[in-house]
């Protein structure tokens, strides 16, 4: 198994086609997608297309979202990580931090835990100079996570008629907050 990062509770690894069934319950939950602006996915073939797309990002950009696997039971919890984003703010492509969890895992610090290691990987392993993230203004949980990570609220923007907060973190700020041990 190829994985990128490990925490005390989770393995973060590349997407694989055999993950499709584990992601169907995540991507078909309307509450999980409430602030995303995409309709629930109920077809396993669509999930397989999404996995193929993420795997292509690994090839094209050297990075893409990672599967979060619970070490205790090997269940797929959701996804986390970075991707090169070219659509949300097409005037300037950027590295985007994102995460999505199955509802039963909300409120357990998983988004924060996995996003922290994703940021660390981006700045220290990939040598990125800045990473950004967006969150719907009403998505209290996601905005809270981005604040806990130390990301700076830079502005608000509209995407597909949704008002979103725009956060950023640069490598200098990251290194000040997380000096090498």
Protein backbone atom coordinates (compact mmCIF):
# COMPACT_ATOMS: atom_id res chain seq x y z
CA UNK A 1 0.00 0.00 0.00
CA UNK A 2 1.33 3.42 -0.93
CA UNK A 3 0.63 6.08 1.66
CA UNK A 4 1.91 9.56 2.10
CA UNK A 5 1.40 10.47 5.73
CA UNK A 6 0.45 8.73 8.95
CA UNK A 7 -1.00 10.22 12.12
CA UNK A 8 -1.61 8.47 15.42
CA UNK A 9 -5.14 7.56 14.29
CA UNK A 10 -5.07 7.57 10.47
CA UNK A 11 -3.28 6.59 7.33
CA UNK A 12 -3.50 9.11 4.50
CA UNK A 13 -2.92 7.40 1.18
CA UNK A 14 -3.67 7.62 -2.50
CA UNK A 15 -7.13 6.89 -3.87
CA UNK A 16 -7.62 3.40 -5.32
CA UNK A 17 -10.46 2.02 -7.41
CA UNK A 18 -11.37 -0.45 -4.65
CA UNK A 19 -12.24 2.59 -2.48
CA UNK A 20 -15.36 3.32 -4.56
CA UNK A 21 -17.87 1.60 -2.24
CA UNK A 22 -16.38 3.36 0.79
CA UNK A 23 -16.80 6.73 -0.89
CA UNK A 24 -20.34 6.19 -2.10
CA UNK A 25 -21.77 6.71 1.41
CA UNK A 26 -19.76 9.95 1.75
CA UNK A 27 -20.63 11.45 -1.63
CA UNK A 28 -24.30 10.41 -1.49
CA UNK A 29 -25.03 12.17 1.83
CA UNK A 30 -26.79 15.50 1.12
CA UNK A 31 -25.81 16.86 4.55
CA UNK A 32 -22.11 16.27 3.82
CA UNK A 33 -22.50 18.15 0.53
CA UNK A 34 -24.73 20.90 1.95
CA UNK A 35 -22.22 23.74 1.48
CA UNK A 36 -20.37 22.33 -1.52
CA UNK A 37 -22.86 23.08 -4.26
CA UNK A 38 -22.74 19.65 -5.86
CA UNK A 39 -25.60 17.15 -5.91
CA UNK A 40 -25.26 13.82 -4.10
CA UNK A 41 -23.72 11.00 -6.12
CA UNK A 42 -25.68 7.76 -6.04
CA UNK A 43 -23.98 5.85 -8.87
CA UNK A 44 -20.85 3.81 -8.15
CA UNK A 45 -19.66 4.46 -11.72
CA UNK A 46 -19.61 8.20 -11.00
CA UNK A 47 -17.52 7.53 -7.87
CA UNK A 48 -15.11 5.50 -10.02
CA UNK A 49 -14.85 8.47 -12.42
CA UNK A 50 -14.04 10.76 -9.49
CA UNK A 51 -11.32 8.35 -8.31
CA UNK A 52 -9.88 8.23 -11.84
CA UNK A 53 -9.86 12.03 -11.92
CA UNK A 54 -7.99 12.24 -8.59
CA UNK A 55 -5.49 9.61 -9.75
CA UNK A 56 -4.91 11.65 -12.91
CA UNK A 57 -4.15 14.68 -10.71
CA UNK A 58 -1.36 12.66 -9.09
CA UNK A 59 0.13 12.11 -12.54
CA UNK A 60 -0.43 15.63 -13.87
CA UNK A 61 0.36 17.71 -10.77
CA UNK A 62 2.30 15.43 -8.41
CA UNK A 63 -0.39 15.88 -5.74
CA UNK A 64 -4.08 15.20 -5.19
CA UNK A 65 -6.47 14.45 -2.35
CA UNK A 66 -5.73 11.53 -0.04
CA UNK A 67 -8.00 8.88 1.43
CA UNK A 68 -8.30 8.98 5.24
CA UNK A 69 -8.24 5.41 6.59
CA UNK A 70 -9.00 4.67 10.23
CA UNK A 71 -6.14 2.56 11.62
CA UNK A 72 -8.40 0.75 14.11
CA UNK A 73 -10.89 -0.69 11.65
CA UNK A 74 -9.49 0.22 8.20
CA UNK A 75 -12.70 2.08 7.39
CA UNK A 76 -12.59 4.98 4.96
CA UNK A 77 -13.36 8.09 6.98
CA UNK A 78 -13.26 10.55 4.07
CA UNK A 79 -10.60 12.47 2.22
CA UNK A 80 -8.17 15.29 2.90
CA UNK A 81 -5.20 17.00 1.35
CA UNK A 82 -4.02 19.29 -1.36
CA UNK A 83 -4.74 19.67 -5.04
CA UNK A 84 -3.82 22.14 -7.72
CA UNK A 85 -7.08 24.04 -8.22
CA UNK A 86 -7.72 25.73 -11.56
CA UNK A 87 -11.51 26.18 -11.62
CA UNK A 88 -12.75 27.96 -8.48
CA UNK A 89 -10.60 31.07 -9.02
CA UNK A 90 -9.45 30.64 -12.62
CA UNK A 91 -7.60 33.96 -12.67
CA UNK A 92 -4.90 32.39 -10.47
CA UNK A 93 -4.42 28.62 -10.06
CA UNK A 94 -3.45 27.71 -6.51
CA UNK A 95 -2.83 24.80 -4.16
CA UNK A 96 -6.07 24.12 -2.35
CA UNK A 97 -6.45 22.49 1.06
CA UNK A 98 -9.65 20.49 1.39
CA UNK A 99 -11.29 17.76 3.44
CA UNK A 100 -14.56 15.90 3.54
CA UNK A 101 -15.65 13.41 6.21
CA UNK A 102 -18.48 10.96 6.65
CA UNK A 103 -21.00 12.56 8.98
CA UNK A 104 -20.48 10.01 11.77
CA UNK A 105 -16.88 11.29 12.05
CA UNK A 106 -17.74 14.97 12.40
CA UNK A 107 -16.70 16.75 15.59
CA UNK A 108 -13.79 14.42 16.42
CA UNK A 109 -10.92 16.68 15.32
CA UNK A 110 -10.22 14.58 12.23
CA UNK A 111 -10.41 17.42 9.71
CA UNK A 112 -7.99 19.50 11.77
CA UNK A 113 -5.62 16.58 12.41
CA UNK A 114 -5.41 15.50 8.77
CA UNK A 115 -5.35 19.05 7.39
CA UNK A 116 -2.37 19.89 9.64
CA UNK A 117 -0.31 17.05 8.22
CA UNK A 118 -1.46 17.98 4.71
CA UNK A 119 -0.22 21.54 5.19
CA UNK A 120 3.04 20.28 6.65
CA UNK A 121 3.51 17.97 3.67
CA UNK A 122 2.78 20.79 1.24
CA UNK A 123 5.23 23.22 2.78
CA UNK A 124 8.00 20.84 3.84
CA UNK A 125 7.89 18.03 1.26
CA UNK A 126 6.57 19.83 -1.81
CA UNK A 127 8.21 23.16 -1.03
CA UNK A 128 5.04 25.16 -1.70
CA UNK A 129 5.20 28.86 -0.85
CA UNK A 130 1.48 29.30 -0.21
CA UNK A 131 -1.67 27.22 0.24
CA UNK A 132 -5.26 28.45 0.14
CA UNK A 133 -8.69 27.16 1.15
CA UNK A 134 -12.27 28.25 0.68
CA UNK A 135 -15.30 27.59 2.85
CA UNK A 136 -18.94 28.60 2.50
CA UNK A 137 -19.58 31.43 4.97
CA UNK A 138 -22.32 29.41 6.69
CA UNK A 139 -20.20 26.26 7.07
CA UNK A 140 -19.30 26.90 10.70
CA UNK A 141 -17.39 23.63 11.13
CA UNK A 142 -15.12 24.12 8.14
CA UNK A 143 -14.44 27.78 8.95
CA UNK A 144 -13.57 26.73 12.51
CA UNK A 145 -11.10 24.14 11.22
CA UNK A 146 -9.38 26.67 8.95
CA UNK A 147 -9.06 29.09 11.86
CA UNK A 148 -7.62 26.35 14.12
CA UNK A 149 -5.04 25.61 11.45
CA UNK A 150 -3.85 29.21 11.68
CA UNK A 151 -4.94 30.08 8.18
CA UNK A 152 -5.63 33.77 7.64
CA UNK A 153 -9.05 34.95 6.44
CA UNK A 154 -8.11 37.05 3.42
CA UNK A 155 -11.44 37.99 1.85
CA UNK A 156 -14.81 36.73 0.71
CA UNK A 157 -15.66 35.67 -2.84
CA UNK A 158 -18.65 34.31 -4.70
CA UNK A 159 -18.52 30.91 -6.38
CA UNK A 160 -21.60 29.54 -8.16
CA UNK A 161 -23.76 32.10 -6.32
CA UNK A 162 -22.42 30.99 -2.91
CA UNK A 163 -20.62 33.43 -0.63
CA UNK A 164 -17.36 31.88 0.55
CA UNK A 165 -14.52 32.82 2.86
CA UNK A 166 -11.03 32.75 1.33
CA UNK A 167 -8.14 31.69 3.58
CA UNK A 168 -4.41 31.58 3.00
CA UNK A 169 -1.20 30.44 4.62
CA UNK A 170 2.32 31.07 3.39
CA UNK A 171 5.41 29.03 4.12
CA UNK A 172 6.94 31.70 6.34
CA UNK A 173 3.87 31.85 8.56
CA UNK A 174 3.69 28.05 8.67
CA UNK A 175 7.34 27.75 9.70
CA UNK A 176 6.88 30.39 12.43
CA UNK A 177 3.92 28.46 13.83
CA UNK A 178 5.53 25.03 13.34
CA UNK A 179 9.31 25.31 13.74
CA UNK A 180 11.36 22.20 13.00
CA UNK A 181 11.94 20.04 16.09
